[in-house]
Amino acid sequence: MVPDHPVYQQILALVTGIGQPTRARDLCLPLDLPLERENIENTRAKLKRLVSLGIPAETEPGLLTQPRP
């Protein structure tokens, strides 16, 4: 189950829309977050939480692909 917070929905939509493996850094600007270490780390933590729930796949450390159907 996806967490209720809207940022998780935004992250999943972006990962799906990009259509290729992506990193937390690549999601910051579309999420209207400046490319600062804190923002990248916070986005990475959210991605890791989604991976732990089995929603996106992590093809290699830090590289995420589309959510599983």
PDB file of N, CA and C in Angstrom:
ATOM      1  N   MET A   1       0.839  -1.178   0.000  1.00  0.00           N
ATOM      2  CA  MET A   1       0.000   0.000   0.000  1.00  0.00           C
ATOM      3  C   MET A   1       0.889   1.248   0.000  1.00  0.00           C
ATOM      4  N   VAL A   2       0.590   2.179  -0.876  1.00  0.00           N
ATOM      5  CA  VAL A   2       1.345   3.428  -0.992  1.00  0.00           C
ATOM      6  C   VAL A   2       0.986   4.348   0.175  1.00  0.00           C
ATOM      7  N   PRO A   3       1.983   4.968   0.803  1.00  0.00           N
ATOM      8  CA  PRO A   3       1.685   5.932   1.869  1.00  0.00           C
ATOM      9  C   PRO A   3       0.750   7.035   1.356  1.00  0.00           C
ATOM     10  N   ASP A   4      -0.066   7.561   2.241  1.00  0.00           N
ATOM     11  CA  ASP A   4      -1.086   8.546   1.873  1.00  0.00           C
ATOM     12  C   ASP A   4      -0.543   9.913   1.485  1.00  0.00           C
ATOM     13  N   HIS A   5       0.632  10.255   1.930  1.00  0.00           N
ATOM     14  CA  HIS A   5       1.152  11.597   1.671  1.00  0.00           C
ATOM     15  C   HIS A   5       1.262  11.850   0.166  1.00  0.00           C
ATOM     16  N   PRO A   6       0.805  13.018  -0.307  1.00  0.00           N
ATOM     17  CA  PRO A   6       0.802  13.307  -1.751  1.00  0.00           C
ATOM     18  C   PRO A   6       2.169  13.238  -2.428  1.00  0.00           C
ATOM     19  N   VAL A   7       3.242  13.483  -1.694  1.00  0.00           N
ATOM     20  CA  VAL A   7       4.562  13.448  -2.331  1.00  0.00           C
ATOM     21  C   VAL A   7       4.886  12.046  -2.849  1.00  0.00           C
ATOM     22  N   TYR A   8       4.401  11.014  -2.171  1.00  0.00           N
ATOM     23  CA  TYR A   8       4.643   9.647  -2.648  1.00  0.00           C
ATOM     24  C   TYR A   8       3.916   9.411  -3.976  1.00  0.00           C
ATOM     25  N   GLN A   9       2.711   9.962  -4.099  1.00  0.00           N
ATOM     26  CA  GLN A   9       1.967   9.848  -5.358  1.00  0.00           C
ATOM     27  C   GLN A   9       2.708  10.591  -6.474  1.00  0.00           C
ATOM     28  N   GLN A  10       3.257  11.763  -6.152  1.00  0.00           N
ATOM     29  CA  GLN A  10       4.020  12.537  -7.134  1.00  0.00           C
ATOM     30  C   GLN A  10       5.263  11.770  -7.575  1.00  0.00           C
ATOM     31  N   ILE A  11       5.953  11.183  -6.629  1.00  0.00           N
ATOM     32  CA  ILE A  11       7.170  10.422  -6.947  1.00  0.00           C
ATOM     33  C   ILE A  11       6.838   9.258  -7.866  1.00  0.00           C
ATOM     34  N   LEU A  12       5.789   8.514  -7.546  1.00  0.00           N
ATOM     35  CA  LEU A  12       5.415   7.372  -8.384  1.00  0.00           C
ATOM     36  C   LEU A  12       5.008   7.825  -9.781  1.00  0.00           C
ATOM     37  N   ALA A  13       4.286   8.931  -9.868  1.00  0.00           N
ATOM     38  CA  ALA A  13       3.884   9.444 -11.180  1.00  0.00           C
ATOM     39  C   ALA A  13       5.115   9.840 -11.993  1.00  0.00           C
ATOM     40  N   LEU A  14       6.085  10.463 -11.350  1.00  0.00           N
ATOM     41  CA  LEU A  14       7.308  10.865 -12.057  1.00  0.00           C
ATOM     42  C   LEU A  14       8.107   9.655 -12.517  1.00  0.00           C
ATOM     43  N   VAL A  15       8.278   8.677 -11.647  1.00  0.00           N
ATOM     44  CA  VAL A  15       9.045   7.479 -12.012  1.00  0.00           C
ATOM     45  C   VAL A  15       8.366   6.772 -13.183  1.00  0.00           C
ATOM     46  N   THR A  16       7.049   6.718 -13.162  1.00  0.00           N
ATOM     47  CA  THR A  16       6.305   6.093 -14.252  1.00  0.00           C
ATOM     48  C   THR A  16       6.412   6.927 -15.527  1.00  0.00           C
ATOM     49  N   GLY A  17       6.258   8.232 -15.391  1.00  0.00           N
ATOM     50  CA  GLY A  17       6.278   9.120 -16.550  1.00  0.00           C
ATOM     51  C   GLY A  17       7.621   9.208 -17.237  1.00  0.00           C
ATOM     52  N   ILE A  18       8.696   9.103 -16.479  1.00  0.00           N
ATOM     53  CA  ILE A  18      10.034   9.177 -17.064  1.00  0.00           C
ATOM     54  C   ILE A  18      10.275   7.978 -17.968  1.00  0.00           C
ATOM     55  N   GLY A  19       9.775   6.821 -17.567  1.00  0.00           N
ATOM     56  CA  GLY A  19       9.857   5.642 -18.416  1.00  0.00           C
ATOM     57  C   GLY A  19      11.217   4.980 -18.496  1.00  0.00           C
ATOM     58  N   GLN A  20      12.145   5.405 -17.670  1.00  0.00           N
ATOM     59  CA  GLN A  20      13.474   4.781 -17.647  1.00  0.00           C
ATOM     60  C   GLN A  20      13.991   4.839 -16.214  1.00  0.00           C
ATOM     61  N   PRO A  21      14.960   4.020 -15.881  1.00  0.00           N
ATOM     62  CA  PRO A  21      15.497   4.070 -14.511  1.00  0.00           C
ATOM     63  C   PRO A  21      15.956   5.482 -14.151  1.00  0.00           C
ATOM     64  N   THR A  22      15.705   5.869 -12.917  1.00  0.00           N
ATOM     65  CA  THR A  22      16.015   7.224 -12.477  1.00  0.00           C
ATOM     66  C   THR A  22      16.550   7.230 -11.053  1.00  0.00           C
ATOM     67  N   ARG A  23      17.150   8.321 -10.667  1.00  0.00           N
ATOM     68  CA  ARG A  23      17.715   8.493  -9.329  1.00  0.00           C
ATOM     69  C   ARG A  23      16.992   9.611  -8.594  1.00  0.00           C
ATOM     70  N   ALA A  24      17.163   9.644  -7.283  1.00  0.00           N
ATOM     71  CA  ALA A  24      16.517  10.659  -6.450  1.00  0.00           C
ATOM     72  C   ALA A  24      16.866  12.062  -6.935  1.00  0.00           C
ATOM     73  N   ARG A  25      18.099  12.274  -7.299  1.00  0.00           N
ATOM     74  CA  ARG A  25      18.549  13.594  -7.763  1.00  0.00           C
ATOM     75  C   ARG A  25      17.728  14.057  -8.973  1.00  0.00           C
ATOM     76  N   ASP A  26      17.387  13.110  -9.859  1.00  0.00           N
ATOM     77  CA  ASP A  26      16.635  13.436 -11.071  1.00  0.00           C
ATOM     78  C   ASP A  26      15.190  13.826 -10.772  1.00  0.00           C
ATOM     79  N   LEU A  27      14.708  13.493  -9.601  1.00  0.00           N
ATOM     80  CA  LEU A  27      13.315  13.785  -9.243  1.00  0.00           C
ATOM     81  C   LEU A  27      13.151  15.098  -8.493  1.00  0.00           C
ATOM     82  N   CYS A  28      14.224  15.638  -7.966  1.00  0.00           N
ATOM     83  CA  CYS A  28      14.119  16.851  -7.146  1.00  0.00           C
ATOM     84  C   CYS A  28      13.539  18.035  -7.911  1.00  0.00           C
ATOM     85  N   LEU A  29      14.073  18.343  -9.063  1.00  0.00           N
ATOM     86  CA  LEU A  29      13.580  19.507  -9.805  1.00  0.00           C
ATOM     87  C   LEU A  29      12.119  19.358 -10.218  1.00  0.00           C
ATOM     88  N   PRO A  30      11.685  18.195 -10.751  1.00  0.00           N
ATOM     89  CA  PRO A  30      10.263  18.060 -11.064  1.00  0.00           C
ATOM     90  C   PRO A  30       9.362  18.147  -9.818  1.00  0.00           C
ATOM     91  N   LEU A  31       9.930  17.866  -8.647  1.00  0.00           N
ATOM     92  CA  LEU A  31       9.172  17.992  -7.393  1.00  0.00           C
ATOM     93  C   LEU A  31       9.279  19.407  -6.814  1.00  0.00           C
ATOM     94  N   ASP A  32       9.860  20.319  -7.578  1.00  0.00           N
ATOM     95  CA  ASP A  32      10.066  21.713  -7.154  1.00  0.00           C
ATOM     96  C   ASP A  32      10.965  21.823  -5.929  1.00  0.00           C
ATOM     97  N   LEU A  33      11.975  20.965  -5.869  1.00  0.00           N
ATOM     98  CA  LEU A  33      12.953  21.008  -4.784  1.00  0.00           C
ATOM     99  C   LEU A  33      14.306  21.418  -5.352  1.00  0.00           C
ATOM    100  N   PRO A  34      14.975  22.366  -4.730  1.00  0.00           N
ATOM    101  CA  PRO A  34      16.319  22.727  -5.191  1.00  0.00           C
ATOM    102  C   PRO A  34      17.272  21.533  -5.063  1.00  0.00           C
ATOM    103  N   LEU A  35      18.259  21.476  -5.928  1.00  0.00           N
ATOM    104  CA  LEU A  35      19.234  20.386  -5.883  1.00  0.00           C
ATOM    105  C   LEU A  35      20.215  20.630  -4.736  1.00  0.00           C
ATOM    106  N   GLU A  36      19.760  20.365  -3.546  1.00  0.00           N
ATOM    107  CA  GLU A  36      20.576  20.468  -2.350  1.00  0.00           C
ATOM    108  C   GLU A  36      20.639  19.088  -1.711  1.00  0.00           C
ATOM    109  N   ARG A  37      21.721  18.835  -1.030  1.00  0.00           N
ATOM    110  CA  ARG A  37      21.940  17.511  -0.451  1.00  0.00           C
ATOM    111  C   ARG A  37      20.764  17.040   0.408  1.00  0.00           C
ATOM    112  N   GLU A  38      20.246  17.911   1.250  1.00  0.00           N
ATOM    113  CA  GLU A  38      19.130  17.537   2.126  1.00  0.00           C
ATOM    114  C   GLU A  38      17.911  17.084   1.320  1.00  0.00           C
ATOM    115  N   ASN A  39      17.589  17.801   0.255  1.00  0.00           N
ATOM    116  CA  ASN A  39      16.442  17.437  -0.572  1.00  0.00           C
ATOM    117  C   ASN A  39      16.663  16.111  -1.291  1.00  0.00           C
ATOM    118  N   ILE A  40      17.868  15.917  -1.793  1.00  0.00           N
ATOM    119  CA  ILE A  40      18.183  14.661  -2.482  1.00  0.00           C
ATOM    120  C   ILE A  40      18.094  13.493  -1.503  1.00  0.00           C
ATOM    121  N   GLU A  41      18.644  13.664  -0.310  1.00  0.00           N
ATOM    122  CA  GLU A  41      18.598  12.595   0.702  1.00  0.00           C
ATOM    123  C   GLU A  41      17.167  12.302   1.149  1.00  0.00           C
ATOM    124  N   ASN A  42      16.354  13.337   1.321  1.00  0.00           N
ATOM    125  CA  ASN A  42      14.957  13.130   1.709  1.00  0.00           C
ATOM    126  C   ASN A  42      14.184  12.398   0.613  1.00  0.00           C
ATOM    127  N   THR A  43      14.442  12.768  -0.633  1.00  0.00           N
ATOM    128  CA  THR A  43      13.787  12.091  -1.755  1.00  0.00           C
ATOM    129  C   THR A  43      14.257  10.648  -1.829  1.00  0.00           C
ATOM    130  N   ARG A  44      15.545  10.426  -1.616  1.00  0.00           N
ATOM    131  CA  ARG A  44      16.085   9.063  -1.628  1.00  0.00           C
ATOM    132  C   ARG A  44      15.429   8.214  -0.530  1.00  0.00           C
ATOM    133  N   ALA A  45      15.242   8.789   0.641  1.00  0.00           N
ATOM    134  CA  ALA A  45      14.605   8.057   1.738  1.00  0.00           C
ATOM    135  C   ALA A  45      13.170   7.671   1.368  1.00  0.00           C
ATOM    136  N   LYS A  46      12.467   8.573   0.711  1.00  0.00           N
ATOM    137  CA  LYS A  46      11.094   8.261   0.285  1.00  0.00           C
ATOM    138  C   LYS A  46      11.097   7.148  -0.764  1.00  0.00           C
ATOM    139  N   LEU A  47      12.048   7.210  -1.690  1.00  0.00           N
ATOM    140  CA  LEU A  47      12.159   6.154  -2.695  1.00  0.00           C
ATOM    141  C   LEU A  47      12.465   4.806  -2.044  1.00  0.00           C
ATOM    142  N   LYS A  48      13.367   4.811  -1.070  1.00  0.00           N
ATOM    143  CA  LYS A  48      13.707   3.565  -0.369  1.00  0.00           C
ATOM    144  C   LYS A  48      12.483   3.000   0.349  1.00  0.00           C
ATOM    145  N   ARG A  49      11.660   3.885   0.918  1.00  0.00           N
ATOM    146  CA  ARG A  49      10.444   3.411   1.587  1.00  0.00           C
ATOM    147  C   ARG A  49       9.521   2.749   0.579  1.00  0.00           C
ATOM    148  N   LEU A  50       9.365   3.355  -0.587  1.00  0.00           N
ATOM    149  CA  LEU A  50       8.522   2.761  -1.623  1.00  0.00           C
ATOM    150  C   LEU A  50       9.084   1.427  -2.098  1.00  0.00           C
ATOM    151  N   VAL A  51      10.404   1.335  -2.233  1.00  0.00           N
ATOM    152  CA  VAL A  51      11.033   0.067  -2.632  1.00  0.00           C
ATOM    153  C   VAL A  51      10.768  -0.998  -1.573  1.00  0.00           C
ATOM    154  N   SER A  52      10.849  -0.617  -0.300  1.00  0.00           N
ATOM    155  CA  SER A  52      10.608  -1.594   0.774  1.00  0.00           C
ATOM    156  C   SER A  52       9.171  -2.104   0.755  1.00  0.00           C
ATOM    157  N   LEU A  53       8.266  -1.304   0.196  1.00  0.00           N
ATOM    158  CA  LEU A  53       6.866  -1.721   0.066  1.00  0.00           C
ATOM    159  C   LEU A  53       6.643  -2.518  -1.219  1.00  0.00           C
ATOM    160  N   GLY A  54       7.698  -2.639  -2.028  1.00  0.00           N
ATOM    161  CA  GLY A  54       7.613  -3.439  -3.244  1.00  0.00           C
ATOM    162  C   GLY A  54       6.935  -2.743  -4.407  1.00  0.00           C
ATOM    163  N   ILE A  55       6.905  -1.422  -4.391  1.00  0.00           N
ATOM    164  CA  ILE A  55       6.193  -0.702  -5.447  1.00  0.00           C
ATOM    165  C   ILE A  55       7.110  -0.451  -6.640  1.00  0.00           C
ATOM    166  N   PRO A  56       8.149   0.406  -6.561  1.00  0.00           N
ATOM    167  CA  PRO A  56       9.089   0.452  -7.681  1.00  0.00           C
ATOM    168  C   PRO A  56      10.168  -0.608  -7.482  1.00  0.00           C
ATOM    169  N   ALA A  57      10.869  -0.894  -8.531  1.00  0.00           N
ATOM    170  CA  ALA A  57      11.979  -1.840  -8.443  1.00  0.00           C
ATOM    171  C   ALA A  57      13.289  -1.059  -8.425  1.00  0.00           C
ATOM    172  N   GLU A  58      14.235  -1.550  -7.652  1.00  0.00           N
ATOM    173  CA  GLU A  58      15.566  -0.943  -7.611  1.00  0.00           C
ATOM    174  C   GLU A  58      16.502  -1.859  -8.390  1.00  0.00           C
ATOM    175  N   THR A  59      16.869  -1.437  -9.599  1.00  0.00           N
ATOM    176  CA  THR A  59      17.678  -2.289 -10.474  1.00  0.00           C
ATOM    177  C   THR A  59      19.129  -2.353 -10.041  1.00  0.00           C
ATOM    178  N   GLU A  60      19.613  -1.291  -9.412  1.00  0.00           N
ATOM    179  CA  GLU A  60      20.931  -1.247  -8.786  1.00  0.00           C
ATOM    180  C   GLU A  60      20.824  -0.188  -7.699  1.00  0.00           C
ATOM    181  N   PRO A  61      21.756  -0.135  -6.780  1.00  0.00           N
ATOM    182  CA  PRO A  61      21.616   0.818  -5.668  1.00  0.00           C
ATOM    183  C   PRO A  61      21.342   2.248  -6.144  1.00  0.00           C
ATOM    184  N   GLY A  62      20.185   2.763  -5.721  1.00  0.00           N
ATOM    185  CA  GLY A  62      19.805   4.134  -6.037  1.00  0.00           C
ATOM    186  C   GLY A  62      19.154   4.347  -7.386  1.00  0.00           C
ATOM    187  N   LEU A  63      18.994   3.295  -8.176  1.00  0.00           N
ATOM    188  CA  LEU A  63      18.407   3.409  -9.521  1.00  0.00           C
ATOM    189  C   LEU A  63      17.051   2.716  -9.522  1.00  0.00           C
ATOM    190  N   LEU A  64      15.981   3.512  -9.702  1.00  0.00           N
ATOM    191  CA  LEU A  64      14.622   3.004  -9.613  1.00  0.00           C
ATOM    192  C   LEU A  64      13.962   2.934 -10.977  1.00  0.00           C
ATOM    193  N   THR A  65      13.071   1.941 -11.128  1.00  0.00           N
ATOM    194  CA  THR A  65      12.310   1.802 -12.366  1.00  0.00           C
ATOM    195  C   THR A  65      10.821   1.910 -12.064  1.00  0.00           C
ATOM    196  N   GLN A  66      10.040   1.814 -13.105  1.00  0.00           N
ATOM    197  CA  GLN A  66       8.587   1.964 -12.988  1.00  0.00           C
ATOM    198  C   GLN A  66       7.997   1.076 -11.897  1.00  0.00           C
ATOM    199  N   PRO A  67       6.898   1.564 -11.303  1.00  0.00           N
ATOM    200  CA  PRO A  67       6.202   0.734 -10.312  1.00  0.00           C
ATOM    201  C   PRO A  67       5.733  -0.560 -10.949  1.00  0.00           C
ATOM    202  N   ARG A  68       5.714  -1.590 -10.150  1.00  0.00           N
ATOM    203  CA  ARG A  68       5.245  -2.882 -10.643  1.00  0.00           C
ATOM    204  C   ARG A  68       3.739  -2.855 -10.787  1.00  0.00           C
ATOM    205  N   PRO A  69       3.223  -3.549 -11.833  1.00  0.00           N
ATOM    206  CA  PRO A  69       1.755  -3.561 -12.018  1.00  0.00           C
ATOM    207  C   PRO A  69       1.031  -4.309 -10.913  1.00  0.00           C
TER     208      PRO A  69
END
